[in-house]
């Protein structure tokens, strides 16, 4: 069986990171070799770029600079972690990939799809995940979860994106949904507005379908 590159996408606060970790344990219990990773970041250099990307001390960052930073991080991540792992038949579960750039820097910041697609071609040669789980919920709910006291205490404060407006989050959500509608064979939309266990039931079912399709 060929290892798959599976991404988990959605707004901050959607539950994607929590369910990614749970999915990794579930897949490992099925005897699969799994590696989890995240973007921006995933390597020492990429994590250093992530620090610049998210640091709230940069009050105004040009949207193109923002995109260039995240794609530079992505290129290193792809070359150092993702492609070698897949070559070694290790499944990759990645928290965010290019779809996040199209949603956040595209729909959110207003950069054109053509410009971002050209940048993606340079950075990743147009590499796409084999499957993408999109954790969807209203922007209001995601913003409340993402800015919760528990998160602020665990992560040491809010980053540049945590203080964005509700209108920004709404544009990003719509951007994700448009991507899912345009690529229904790759995307699986998870309703994460419900409780954790109900959401996990959806994730487990979807992952089972993806893996069963690969095994058949």
N, C-alpha and C. Protein backbone atom coordinates (compact mmCIF):
# COMPACT_ATOMS: atom_id res chain seq x y z
N UNK A 1 0.85 -1.19 0.00
CA UNK A 1 0.00 0.00 0.00
C UNK A 1 0.88 1.24 0.00
N UNK A 2 0.58 2.20 -0.87
CA UNK A 2 1.35 3.43 -0.98
C UNK A 2 0.94 4.39 0.12
N UNK A 3 1.93 4.96 0.82
CA UNK A 3 1.63 5.92 1.88
C UNK A 3 0.98 7.17 1.29
N UNK A 4 0.12 7.80 2.07
CA UNK A 4 -0.63 8.95 1.62
C UNK A 4 -0.20 10.23 2.34
N UNK A 5 -0.39 11.34 1.65
CA UNK A 5 -0.17 12.68 2.19
C UNK A 5 -1.56 13.26 2.47
N UNK A 6 -1.93 13.35 3.75
CA UNK A 6 -3.26 13.78 4.16
C UNK A 6 -3.14 15.08 4.95
N UNK A 7 -3.88 16.10 4.55
CA UNK A 7 -3.83 17.37 5.25
C UNK A 7 -5.12 17.63 6.03
N UNK A 8 -4.96 18.39 7.09
CA UNK A 8 -6.07 18.80 7.94
C UNK A 8 -6.14 20.32 7.87
N UNK A 9 -7.28 20.83 7.37
CA UNK A 9 -7.42 22.26 7.12
C UNK A 9 -8.62 22.83 7.88
N UNK A 10 -8.64 24.15 7.99
CA UNK A 10 -9.76 24.81 8.64
C UNK A 10 -9.30 26.04 9.39
N UNK A 11 -10.25 26.76 9.92
CA UNK A 11 -9.94 27.94 10.71
C UNK A 11 -9.25 27.55 12.00
N UNK A 12 -8.45 28.46 12.55
CA UNK A 12 -7.92 28.26 13.90
C UNK A 12 -9.11 28.12 14.85
N UNK A 13 -9.06 27.10 15.70
CA UNK A 13 -10.17 26.85 16.60
C UNK A 13 -11.17 25.83 16.08
N UNK A 14 -10.92 25.30 14.89
CA UNK A 14 -11.87 24.35 14.29
C UNK A 14 -11.72 22.93 14.83
N UNK A 15 -10.64 22.65 15.54
CA UNK A 15 -10.42 21.31 16.07
C UNK A 15 -9.53 20.44 15.22
N UNK A 16 -9.02 20.98 14.13
CA UNK A 16 -8.23 20.16 13.20
C UNK A 16 -6.97 19.59 13.85
N UNK A 17 -6.29 20.38 14.68
CA UNK A 17 -5.04 19.92 15.29
C UNK A 17 -5.29 18.81 16.30
N UNK A 18 -6.33 18.95 17.10
CA UNK A 18 -6.69 17.92 18.07
C UNK A 18 -7.02 16.61 17.36
N UNK A 19 -7.80 16.68 16.31
CA UNK A 19 -8.22 15.46 15.61
C UNK A 19 -7.10 14.88 14.76
N UNK A 20 -6.16 15.70 14.33
CA UNK A 20 -4.99 15.18 13.63
C UNK A 20 -4.20 14.25 14.55
N UNK A 21 -3.97 14.69 15.78
CA UNK A 21 -3.23 13.85 16.73
C UNK A 21 -3.98 12.54 17.01
N UNK A 22 -5.28 12.66 17.16
CA UNK A 22 -6.08 11.47 17.43
C UNK A 22 -6.09 10.54 16.21
N UNK A 23 -6.14 11.11 15.02
CA UNK A 23 -6.11 10.32 13.80
C UNK A 23 -4.80 9.55 13.67
N UNK A 24 -3.71 10.19 14.04
CA UNK A 24 -2.40 9.53 13.96
C UNK A 24 -2.38 8.29 14.85
N UNK A 25 -2.89 8.43 16.07
CA UNK A 25 -2.93 7.28 16.98
C UNK A 25 -3.82 6.17 16.43
N UNK A 26 -4.95 6.56 15.85
CA UNK A 26 -5.89 5.59 15.28
C UNK A 26 -5.26 4.83 14.12
N UNK A 27 -4.54 5.54 13.26
CA UNK A 27 -3.89 4.90 12.12
C UNK A 27 -2.73 4.02 12.56
N UNK A 28 -1.99 4.46 13.55
CA UNK A 28 -0.90 3.63 14.06
C UNK A 28 -1.42 2.34 14.66
N UNK A 29 -2.59 2.41 15.27
CA UNK A 29 -3.21 1.20 15.82
C UNK A 29 -3.60 0.22 14.72
N UNK A 30 -3.77 0.72 13.49
CA UNK A 30 -4.04 -0.14 12.34
C UNK A 30 -2.76 -0.67 11.71
N UNK A 31 -1.63 -0.38 12.33
CA UNK A 31 -0.35 -0.89 11.86
C UNK A 31 0.34 -0.03 10.82
N UNK A 32 -0.10 1.22 10.67
CA UNK A 32 0.50 2.10 9.67
C UNK A 32 1.60 2.96 10.29
N UNK A 33 2.63 3.22 9.50
CA UNK A 33 3.70 4.12 9.91
C UNK A 33 3.26 5.55 9.61
N UNK A 34 3.12 6.37 10.63
CA UNK A 34 2.54 7.71 10.49
C UNK A 34 3.47 8.75 11.08
N UNK A 35 3.59 9.87 10.37
CA UNK A 35 4.32 11.03 10.89
C UNK A 35 3.40 12.24 10.85
N UNK A 36 3.33 12.97 11.95
CA UNK A 36 2.54 14.19 12.00
C UNK A 36 3.46 15.40 11.87
N UNK A 37 2.94 16.43 11.23
CA UNK A 37 3.73 17.65 11.06
C UNK A 37 2.77 18.82 10.89
N UNK A 38 3.31 20.02 10.70
CA UNK A 38 2.46 21.20 10.68
C UNK A 38 3.08 22.30 9.82
N UNK A 39 2.22 23.25 9.44
CA UNK A 39 2.67 24.43 8.71
C UNK A 39 2.00 25.68 9.27
N UNK A 40 2.68 26.84 9.18
CA UNK A 40 4.08 26.96 8.80
C UNK A 40 4.96 26.25 9.84
N UNK A 41 6.02 25.66 9.39
CA UNK A 41 6.93 24.97 10.29
C UNK A 41 7.22 23.56 9.81
N UNK A 42 7.56 22.69 10.76
CA UNK A 42 7.83 21.30 10.43
C UNK A 42 9.29 20.94 10.34
N UNK A 43 10.17 21.94 10.24
CA UNK A 43 11.62 21.74 10.27
C UNK A 43 12.20 22.89 11.10
N UNK A 44 13.45 22.80 11.54
CA UNK A 44 14.02 23.92 12.31
C UNK A 44 13.98 25.25 11.55
N UNK A 45 14.36 25.24 10.27
CA UNK A 45 14.32 26.47 9.49
C UNK A 45 12.88 26.94 9.30
N UNK A 46 12.00 26.03 8.97
CA UNK A 46 10.60 26.39 8.75
C UNK A 46 9.96 26.93 10.03
N UNK A 47 10.33 26.36 11.17
CA UNK A 47 9.79 26.86 12.43
C UNK A 47 10.32 28.26 12.74
N UNK A 48 11.56 28.54 12.35
CA UNK A 48 12.10 29.88 12.54
C UNK A 48 11.31 30.89 11.70
N UNK A 49 10.98 30.50 10.46
CA UNK A 49 10.17 31.37 9.60
C UNK A 49 8.78 31.53 10.20
N UNK A 50 8.24 30.46 10.78
CA UNK A 50 6.92 30.52 11.43
C UNK A 50 6.90 31.59 12.52
N UNK A 51 8.01 31.65 13.28
CA UNK A 51 8.09 32.65 14.34
C UNK A 51 7.95 34.06 13.80
N UNK A 52 8.62 34.34 12.69
CA UNK A 52 8.48 35.65 12.05
C UNK A 52 7.07 35.87 11.52
N UNK A 53 6.53 34.83 10.93
CA UNK A 53 5.22 34.90 10.28
C UNK A 53 4.11 35.25 11.28
N UNK A 54 4.19 34.70 12.49
CA UNK A 54 3.12 34.85 13.46
C UNK A 54 3.37 35.93 14.51
N UNK A 55 4.58 36.43 14.60
CA UNK A 55 4.93 37.36 15.68
C UNK A 55 4.07 38.63 15.62
N UNK A 56 3.32 38.92 16.70
CA UNK A 56 2.45 40.10 16.69
C UNK A 56 3.20 41.42 16.72
N UNK A 57 4.52 41.38 16.91
CA UNK A 57 5.27 42.64 16.91
C UNK A 57 5.30 43.28 15.52
N UNK A 58 5.09 42.47 14.48
CA UNK A 58 5.00 43.02 13.13
C UNK A 58 3.56 43.43 12.87
N UNK A 59 3.23 44.64 13.17
CA UNK A 59 1.83 45.08 13.13
C UNK A 59 1.27 45.11 11.71
N UNK A 60 2.07 45.50 10.74
CA UNK A 60 1.61 45.56 9.36
C UNK A 60 2.58 44.82 8.47
N UNK A 61 2.11 43.72 7.90
CA UNK A 61 2.92 42.92 7.00
C UNK A 61 2.24 42.92 5.65
N UNK A 62 2.96 43.28 4.61
CA UNK A 62 2.40 43.25 3.26
C UNK A 62 1.93 41.83 2.94
N UNK A 63 0.74 41.66 2.39
CA UNK A 63 0.23 40.31 2.11
C UNK A 63 1.16 39.46 1.26
N UNK A 64 1.87 40.08 0.32
CA UNK A 64 2.78 39.29 -0.51
C UNK A 64 3.99 38.82 0.30
N UNK A 65 4.46 39.65 1.20
CA UNK A 65 5.55 39.23 2.08
C UNK A 65 5.09 38.06 2.94
N UNK A 66 3.87 38.16 3.47
CA UNK A 66 3.30 37.08 4.26
C UNK A 66 3.27 35.78 3.47
N UNK A 67 2.81 35.84 2.24
CA UNK A 67 2.74 34.64 1.39
C UNK A 67 4.13 34.10 1.06
N UNK A 68 5.06 34.99 0.77
CA UNK A 68 6.42 34.55 0.46
C UNK A 68 7.07 33.84 1.64
N UNK A 69 6.82 34.34 2.84
CA UNK A 69 7.36 33.69 4.04
C UNK A 69 6.82 32.27 4.19
N UNK A 70 5.51 32.13 4.07
CA UNK A 70 4.91 30.82 4.31
C UNK A 70 5.29 29.82 3.21
N UNK A 71 5.45 30.29 1.97
CA UNK A 71 5.85 29.37 0.91
C UNK A 71 7.33 29.01 1.01
N UNK A 72 8.16 29.90 1.53
CA UNK A 72 9.56 29.55 1.79
C UNK A 72 9.63 28.45 2.85
N UNK A 73 8.84 28.61 3.91
CA UNK A 73 8.77 27.58 4.94
C UNK A 73 8.27 26.27 4.35
N UNK A 74 7.26 26.36 3.48
CA UNK A 74 6.66 25.16 2.88
C UNK A 74 7.66 24.41 1.99
N UNK A 75 8.46 25.14 1.23
CA UNK A 75 9.43 24.50 0.36
C UNK A 75 10.41 23.66 1.16
N UNK A 76 10.93 24.23 2.25
CA UNK A 76 11.88 23.50 3.09
C UNK A 76 11.21 22.29 3.74
N UNK A 77 9.99 22.48 4.19
CA UNK A 77 9.23 21.40 4.82
C UNK A 77 8.99 20.25 3.85
N UNK A 78 8.61 20.59 2.63
CA UNK A 78 8.35 19.57 1.62
C UNK A 78 9.62 18.78 1.30
N UNK A 79 10.72 19.51 1.12
CA UNK A 79 11.97 18.86 0.74
C UNK A 79 12.59 18.05 1.86
N UNK A 80 12.45 18.54 3.09
CA UNK A 80 13.15 17.91 4.21
C UNK A 80 12.33 16.84 4.92
N UNK A 81 11.00 17.00 4.93
CA UNK A 81 10.16 16.10 5.73
C UNK A 81 9.14 15.33 4.89
N UNK A 82 8.32 16.04 4.14
CA UNK A 82 7.16 15.40 3.52
C UNK A 82 7.56 14.39 2.45
N UNK A 83 8.33 14.82 1.45
CA UNK A 83 8.68 13.91 0.35
C UNK A 83 9.54 12.73 0.83
N UNK A 84 10.58 12.95 1.66
CA UNK A 84 11.35 11.79 2.14
C UNK A 84 10.50 10.80 2.93
N UNK A 85 9.56 11.29 3.72
CA UNK A 85 8.71 10.39 4.50
C UNK A 85 7.83 9.55 3.59
N UNK A 86 7.22 10.17 2.59
CA UNK A 86 6.37 9.43 1.67
C UNK A 86 7.18 8.40 0.88
N UNK A 87 8.39 8.77 0.49
CA UNK A 87 9.27 7.83 -0.21
C UNK A 87 9.57 6.61 0.64
N UNK A 88 9.64 6.82 1.97
CA UNK A 88 9.91 5.73 2.91
C UNK A 88 8.63 5.02 3.34
N UNK A 89 7.50 5.26 2.63
CA UNK A 89 6.21 4.64 2.92
C UNK A 89 5.67 5.00 4.30
N UNK A 90 5.94 6.23 4.71
CA UNK A 90 5.39 6.77 5.95
C UNK A 90 4.25 7.73 5.61
N UNK A 91 3.09 7.49 6.19
CA UNK A 91 1.96 8.39 5.99
C UNK A 91 2.25 9.74 6.64
N UNK A 92 1.91 10.80 5.94
CA UNK A 92 2.06 12.15 6.47
C UNK A 92 0.69 12.73 6.78
N UNK A 93 0.50 13.14 8.04
CA UNK A 93 -0.67 13.91 8.44
C UNK A 93 -0.18 15.32 8.74
N UNK A 94 -0.60 16.27 7.92
CA UNK A 94 -0.05 17.62 8.01
C UNK A 94 -1.14 18.63 8.38
N UNK A 95 -0.87 19.40 9.40
CA UNK A 95 -1.74 20.48 9.85
C UNK A 95 -1.46 21.70 8.98
N UNK A 96 -2.26 21.87 7.94
CA UNK A 96 -2.20 22.94 6.95
C UNK A 96 -1.19 22.63 5.82
N UNK A 97 -1.54 23.13 4.63
CA UNK A 97 -0.64 23.10 3.47
C UNK A 97 -1.10 24.23 2.56
N UNK A 98 -0.95 24.11 1.27
CA UNK A 98 -1.20 25.22 0.34
C UNK A 98 -2.64 25.72 0.40
N UNK A 99 -3.60 24.85 0.71
CA UNK A 99 -4.98 25.31 0.80
C UNK A 99 -5.13 26.44 1.82
N UNK A 100 -4.36 26.38 2.89
CA UNK A 100 -4.42 27.47 3.88
C UNK A 100 -3.94 28.78 3.29
N UNK A 101 -2.93 28.74 2.44
CA UNK A 101 -2.46 29.96 1.81
C UNK A 101 -3.51 30.53 0.86
N UNK A 102 -4.18 29.64 0.13
CA UNK A 102 -5.22 30.11 -0.78
C UNK A 102 -6.39 30.71 -0.01
N UNK A 103 -6.67 30.17 1.18
CA UNK A 103 -7.78 30.68 1.97
C UNK A 103 -7.40 31.93 2.75
N UNK A 104 -6.26 31.90 3.44
CA UNK A 104 -5.87 33.02 4.29
C UNK A 104 -5.29 34.19 3.49
N UNK A 105 -4.26 33.91 2.69
CA UNK A 105 -3.65 35.01 1.93
C UNK A 105 -4.47 35.36 0.68
N UNK A 106 -5.20 34.39 0.16
CA UNK A 106 -6.05 34.63 -1.00
C UNK A 106 -7.38 35.25 -0.61
N UNK A 107 -8.30 34.42 -0.10
CA UNK A 107 -9.62 34.92 0.26
C UNK A 107 -9.56 35.94 1.40
N UNK A 108 -8.68 35.70 2.36
CA UNK A 108 -8.60 36.59 3.51
C UNK A 108 -7.93 37.91 3.23
N UNK A 109 -6.74 37.85 2.61
CA UNK A 109 -5.95 39.06 2.37
C UNK A 109 -6.22 39.70 1.01
N UNK A 110 -6.81 38.94 0.09
CA UNK A 110 -7.14 39.51 -1.20
C UNK A 110 -6.12 39.31 -2.29
N UNK A 111 -5.11 38.44 -2.05
CA UNK A 111 -4.15 38.16 -3.12
C UNK A 111 -4.83 37.30 -4.19
N UNK A 112 -4.43 37.50 -5.43
CA UNK A 112 -5.10 36.79 -6.52
C UNK A 112 -4.75 35.31 -6.53
N UNK A 113 -5.70 34.51 -6.96
CA UNK A 113 -5.47 33.06 -7.07
C UNK A 113 -4.35 32.78 -8.06
N UNK A 114 -4.27 33.55 -9.12
CA UNK A 114 -3.24 33.33 -10.15
C UNK A 114 -1.85 33.55 -9.57
N UNK A 115 -1.69 34.61 -8.77
CA UNK A 115 -0.37 34.91 -8.19
C UNK A 115 0.03 33.82 -7.20
N UNK A 116 -0.91 33.41 -6.36
CA UNK A 116 -0.61 32.37 -5.38
C UNK A 116 -0.34 31.02 -6.04
N UNK A 117 -1.06 30.72 -7.11
CA UNK A 117 -0.84 29.47 -7.82
C UNK A 117 0.54 29.44 -8.47
N UNK A 118 0.95 30.58 -9.02
CA UNK A 118 2.29 30.67 -9.61
C UNK A 118 3.35 30.48 -8.54
N UNK A 119 3.13 31.08 -7.37
CA UNK A 119 4.08 30.93 -6.26
C UNK A 119 4.12 29.49 -5.78
N UNK A 120 2.97 28.86 -5.72
CA UNK A 120 2.91 27.45 -5.31
C UNK A 120 3.65 26.56 -6.30
N UNK A 121 3.55 26.88 -7.58
CA UNK A 121 4.25 26.09 -8.59
C UNK A 121 5.76 26.20 -8.39
N UNK A 122 6.23 27.39 -8.08
CA UNK A 122 7.67 27.58 -7.83
C UNK A 122 8.12 26.84 -6.58
N UNK A 123 7.32 26.90 -5.53
CA UNK A 123 7.74 26.36 -4.23
C UNK A 123 7.53 24.86 -4.11
N UNK A 124 6.45 24.33 -4.69
CA UNK A 124 6.11 22.92 -4.47
C UNK A 124 5.95 22.12 -5.75
N UNK A 125 6.14 22.76 -6.91
CA UNK A 125 5.86 22.12 -8.20
C UNK A 125 4.39 21.70 -8.29
N UNK A 126 3.53 22.45 -7.59
CA UNK A 126 2.10 22.15 -7.63
C UNK A 126 1.70 20.92 -6.83
N UNK A 127 2.55 20.51 -5.89
CA UNK A 127 2.27 19.30 -5.10
C UNK A 127 0.97 19.46 -4.32
N UNK A 128 0.06 18.49 -4.44
CA UNK A 128 -1.18 18.50 -3.71
C UNK A 128 -1.27 17.29 -2.79
N UNK A 129 -2.00 17.43 -1.68
CA UNK A 129 -2.23 16.27 -0.82
C UNK A 129 -3.06 15.22 -1.55
N UNK A 130 -2.96 13.99 -1.07
CA UNK A 130 -3.81 12.93 -1.62
C UNK A 130 -5.24 13.06 -1.12
N UNK A 131 -5.40 13.58 0.08
CA UNK A 131 -6.73 13.80 0.66
C UNK A 131 -6.64 14.95 1.65
N UNK A 132 -7.74 15.69 1.78
CA UNK A 132 -7.78 16.83 2.69
C UNK A 132 -9.07 16.79 3.49
N UNK A 133 -8.93 16.86 4.82
CA UNK A 133 -10.08 16.95 5.71
C UNK A 133 -10.24 18.43 6.09
N UNK A 134 -11.38 19.01 5.73
CA UNK A 134 -11.65 20.41 6.04
C UNK A 134 -12.62 20.46 7.23
N UNK A 135 -12.14 21.01 8.33
CA UNK A 135 -12.95 21.14 9.54
C UNK A 135 -13.68 22.47 9.48
N UNK A 136 -14.98 22.39 9.30
CA UNK A 136 -15.77 23.59 9.05
C UNK A 136 -16.72 23.89 10.19
N UNK A 137 -16.76 25.16 10.56
CA UNK A 137 -17.73 25.68 11.52
C UNK A 137 -17.84 27.17 11.31
N UNK A 138 -18.89 27.81 11.81
CA UNK A 138 -19.03 29.25 11.61
C UNK A 138 -17.83 30.03 12.15
N UNK A 139 -17.52 31.11 11.49
CA UNK A 139 -16.36 31.91 11.88
C UNK A 139 -16.47 32.41 13.31
N UNK A 140 -17.68 32.74 13.75
CA UNK A 140 -17.86 33.24 15.12
C UNK A 140 -17.41 32.19 16.14
N UNK A 141 -17.83 30.94 15.92
CA UNK A 141 -17.48 29.86 16.84
C UNK A 141 -15.99 29.57 16.81
N UNK A 142 -15.40 29.58 15.63
CA UNK A 142 -13.97 29.32 15.52
C UNK A 142 -13.16 30.41 16.21
N UNK A 143 -13.59 31.65 16.06
CA UNK A 143 -12.87 32.76 16.68
C UNK A 143 -12.93 32.66 18.20
N UNK A 144 -14.09 32.30 18.74
CA UNK A 144 -14.21 32.15 20.19
C UNK A 144 -13.33 31.03 20.71
N UNK A 145 -13.31 29.89 19.99
CA UNK A 145 -12.46 28.78 20.41
C UNK A 145 -10.99 29.14 20.31
N UNK A 146 -10.62 29.78 19.21
CA UNK A 146 -9.21 30.10 18.96
C UNK A 146 -8.65 31.10 19.93
N UNK A 147 -9.50 31.96 20.48
CA UNK A 147 -9.04 32.98 21.41
C UNK A 147 -9.42 32.67 22.85
N UNK A 148 -9.68 31.40 23.14
CA UNK A 148 -10.10 31.02 24.48
C UNK A 148 -8.97 31.24 25.49
N UNK A 149 -9.35 31.38 26.76
CA UNK A 149 -8.37 31.57 27.82
C UNK A 149 -7.42 30.38 27.88
N UNK A 150 -7.95 29.16 27.70
CA UNK A 150 -7.10 27.96 27.74
C UNK A 150 -6.02 28.04 26.70
N UNK A 151 -6.37 28.43 25.48
CA UNK A 151 -5.37 28.52 24.42
C UNK A 151 -4.34 29.61 24.72
N UNK A 152 -4.79 30.77 25.19
CA UNK A 152 -3.84 31.85 25.49
C UNK A 152 -2.85 31.42 26.54
N UNK A 153 -3.32 30.68 27.55
CA UNK A 153 -2.43 30.23 28.62
C UNK A 153 -1.46 29.17 28.12
N UNK A 154 -1.93 28.27 27.25
CA UNK A 154 -1.08 27.17 26.79
C UNK A 154 -0.06 27.61 25.76
N UNK A 155 -0.39 28.61 24.95
CA UNK A 155 0.49 29.01 23.86
C UNK A 155 1.20 30.34 24.09
N UNK A 156 0.96 30.94 25.24
CA UNK A 156 1.72 32.13 25.58
C UNK A 156 1.25 33.41 24.93
N UNK A 157 -0.02 33.50 24.58
CA UNK A 157 -0.54 34.74 24.03
C UNK A 157 -1.07 34.59 22.62
N UNK A 158 -1.68 35.64 22.12
CA UNK A 158 -2.27 35.63 20.79
C UNK A 158 -1.24 35.99 19.73
N UNK A 159 -1.37 35.37 18.54
CA UNK A 159 -0.48 35.72 17.44
C UNK A 159 -1.19 36.70 16.50
N UNK A 160 -0.55 37.04 15.38
CA UNK A 160 -1.11 38.05 14.48
C UNK A 160 -2.49 37.68 13.94
N UNK A 161 -2.72 36.38 13.73
CA UNK A 161 -3.99 35.95 13.16
C UNK A 161 -5.09 35.85 14.20
N UNK A 162 -4.72 35.62 15.46
CA UNK A 162 -5.73 35.52 16.51
C UNK A 162 -6.48 36.84 16.71
N UNK A 163 -5.85 37.94 16.37
CA UNK A 163 -6.49 39.24 16.61
C UNK A 163 -7.16 39.79 15.36
N UNK A 164 -7.27 38.97 14.31
CA UNK A 164 -7.95 39.41 13.10
C UNK A 164 -9.46 39.56 13.35
N UNK A 165 -10.12 40.28 12.46
CA UNK A 165 -11.54 40.56 12.62
C UNK A 165 -12.39 39.36 12.24
N UNK A 166 -13.63 39.39 12.68
CA UNK A 166 -14.59 38.35 12.30
C UNK A 166 -14.81 38.34 10.80
N UNK A 167 -14.79 39.49 10.18
CA UNK A 167 -14.96 39.57 8.73
C UNK A 167 -13.82 38.84 8.01
N UNK A 168 -12.63 38.96 8.53
CA UNK A 168 -11.49 38.25 7.95
C UNK A 168 -11.71 36.74 8.03
N UNK A 169 -12.07 36.25 9.21
CA UNK A 169 -12.31 34.83 9.39
C UNK A 169 -13.44 34.34 8.48
N UNK A 170 -14.46 35.15 8.30
CA UNK A 170 -15.57 34.76 7.44
C UNK A 170 -15.11 34.61 5.99
N UNK A 171 -14.26 35.52 5.53
CA UNK A 171 -13.72 35.40 4.17
C UNK A 171 -12.87 34.15 4.02
N UNK A 172 -12.07 33.85 5.04
CA UNK A 172 -11.22 32.65 5.00
C UNK A 172 -12.08 31.40 4.95
N UNK A 173 -13.13 31.35 5.79
CA UNK A 173 -14.01 30.19 5.77
C UNK A 173 -14.62 29.98 4.38
N UNK A 174 -15.11 31.05 3.79
CA UNK A 174 -15.69 30.95 2.45
C UNK A 174 -14.65 30.48 1.44
N UNK A 175 -13.41 30.95 1.61
CA UNK A 175 -12.34 30.51 0.73
C UNK A 175 -12.11 29.02 0.82
N UNK A 176 -12.10 28.48 2.05
CA UNK A 176 -11.95 27.03 2.23
C UNK A 176 -13.11 26.27 1.57
N UNK A 177 -14.31 26.74 1.79
CA UNK A 177 -15.48 26.04 1.24
C UNK A 177 -15.47 26.06 -0.29
N UNK A 178 -15.01 27.15 -0.87
CA UNK A 178 -14.91 27.22 -2.33
C UNK A 178 -13.87 26.23 -2.85
N UNK A 179 -12.76 26.09 -2.13
CA UNK A 179 -11.74 25.11 -2.52
C UNK A 179 -12.31 23.69 -2.46
N UNK A 180 -13.06 23.40 -1.40
CA UNK A 180 -13.65 22.07 -1.25
C UNK A 180 -14.65 21.78 -2.36
N UNK A 181 -15.44 22.79 -2.71
CA UNK A 181 -16.43 22.61 -3.77
C UNK A 181 -15.76 22.37 -5.12
N UNK A 182 -14.60 23.01 -5.33
CA UNK A 182 -13.90 22.88 -6.60
C UNK A 182 -13.15 21.55 -6.72
N UNK A 183 -12.84 20.91 -5.59
CA UNK A 183 -12.06 19.66 -5.61
C UNK A 183 -12.73 18.61 -4.72
N UNK A 184 -13.94 18.17 -5.08
CA UNK A 184 -14.68 17.24 -4.22
C UNK A 184 -14.03 15.87 -4.09
N UNK A 185 -13.21 15.47 -5.04
CA UNK A 185 -12.56 14.16 -4.94
C UNK A 185 -11.47 14.15 -3.87
N UNK A 186 -10.87 15.32 -3.62
CA UNK A 186 -9.79 15.39 -2.63
C UNK A 186 -10.30 15.80 -1.25
N UNK A 187 -11.25 16.69 -1.19
CA UNK A 187 -11.73 17.23 0.08
C UNK A 187 -12.82 16.37 0.70
N UNK A 188 -12.77 16.27 2.03
CA UNK A 188 -13.87 15.74 2.83
C UNK A 188 -14.19 16.81 3.87
N UNK A 189 -15.41 17.33 3.85
CA UNK A 189 -15.79 18.40 4.78
C UNK A 189 -16.34 17.78 6.05
N UNK A 190 -15.72 18.16 7.18
CA UNK A 190 -16.12 17.68 8.50
C UNK A 190 -16.87 18.80 9.22
N UNK A 191 -18.07 18.51 9.70
CA UNK A 191 -18.82 19.48 10.49
C UNK A 191 -18.26 19.48 11.91
N UNK A 192 -17.42 20.47 12.23
CA UNK A 192 -16.78 20.49 13.54
C UNK A 192 -17.47 21.45 14.50
N UNK A 193 -18.71 21.84 14.18
CA UNK A 193 -19.46 22.71 15.08
C UNK A 193 -20.06 21.94 16.25
N UNK A 194 -20.01 20.62 16.18
CA UNK A 194 -20.60 19.77 17.21
C UNK A 194 -19.55 19.40 18.27
N UNK A 195 -19.92 18.51 19.18
CA UNK A 195 -18.99 18.15 20.25
C UNK A 195 -17.84 17.31 19.70
N UNK A 196 -16.81 17.16 20.52
CA UNK A 196 -15.57 16.51 20.08
C UNK A 196 -15.80 15.08 19.60
N UNK A 197 -16.59 14.32 20.33
CA UNK A 197 -16.79 12.91 19.97
C UNK A 197 -17.59 12.76 18.69
N UNK A 198 -18.57 13.63 18.49
CA UNK A 198 -19.34 13.58 17.25
C UNK A 198 -18.45 13.93 16.06
N UNK A 199 -17.59 14.92 16.25
CA UNK A 199 -16.64 15.27 15.19
C UNK A 199 -15.68 14.13 14.92
N UNK A 200 -15.19 13.50 15.99
CA UNK A 200 -14.27 12.39 15.82
C UNK A 200 -14.92 11.22 15.08
N UNK A 201 -16.19 10.97 15.32
CA UNK A 201 -16.89 9.91 14.58
C UNK A 201 -16.83 10.17 13.08
N UNK A 202 -17.00 11.44 12.68
CA UNK A 202 -16.92 11.79 11.27
C UNK A 202 -15.51 11.57 10.73
N UNK A 203 -14.52 11.98 11.51
CA UNK A 203 -13.13 11.84 11.08
C UNK A 203 -12.77 10.38 10.90
N UNK A 204 -13.14 9.56 11.86
CA UNK A 204 -12.83 8.14 11.79
C UNK A 204 -13.48 7.49 10.57
N UNK A 205 -14.73 7.85 10.31
CA UNK A 205 -15.43 7.29 9.15
C UNK A 205 -14.75 7.70 7.85
N UNK A 206 -14.40 8.99 7.73
CA UNK A 206 -13.77 9.50 6.52
C UNK A 206 -12.40 8.87 6.31
N UNK A 207 -11.61 8.79 7.36
CA UNK A 207 -10.29 8.18 7.22
C UNK A 207 -10.41 6.71 6.84
N UNK A 208 -11.38 6.03 7.40
CA UNK A 208 -11.60 4.63 7.03
C UNK A 208 -11.90 4.49 5.56
N UNK A 209 -12.73 5.38 5.03
CA UNK A 209 -13.05 5.35 3.61
C UNK A 209 -11.81 5.60 2.75
N UNK A 210 -10.99 6.57 3.16
CA UNK A 210 -9.78 6.89 2.41
C UNK A 210 -8.81 5.72 2.40
N UNK A 211 -8.61 5.12 3.56
CA UNK A 211 -7.66 4.01 3.66
C UNK A 211 -8.19 2.77 2.95
N UNK A 212 -9.49 2.51 3.07
CA UNK A 212 -10.07 1.34 2.40
C UNK A 212 -9.95 1.47 0.88
N UNK A 213 -10.12 2.69 0.37
CA UNK A 213 -9.99 2.93 -1.06
C UNK A 213 -8.56 2.66 -1.53
N UNK A 214 -7.59 2.99 -0.68
CA UNK A 214 -6.19 2.77 -1.03
C UNK A 214 -5.86 1.29 -1.01
N UNK A 215 -6.43 0.57 -0.05
CA UNK A 215 -6.14 -0.86 0.10
C UNK A 215 -6.78 -1.71 -0.99
N UNK A 216 -7.90 -1.23 -1.55
CA UNK A 216 -8.64 -2.05 -2.53
C UNK A 216 -7.99 -2.02 -3.89
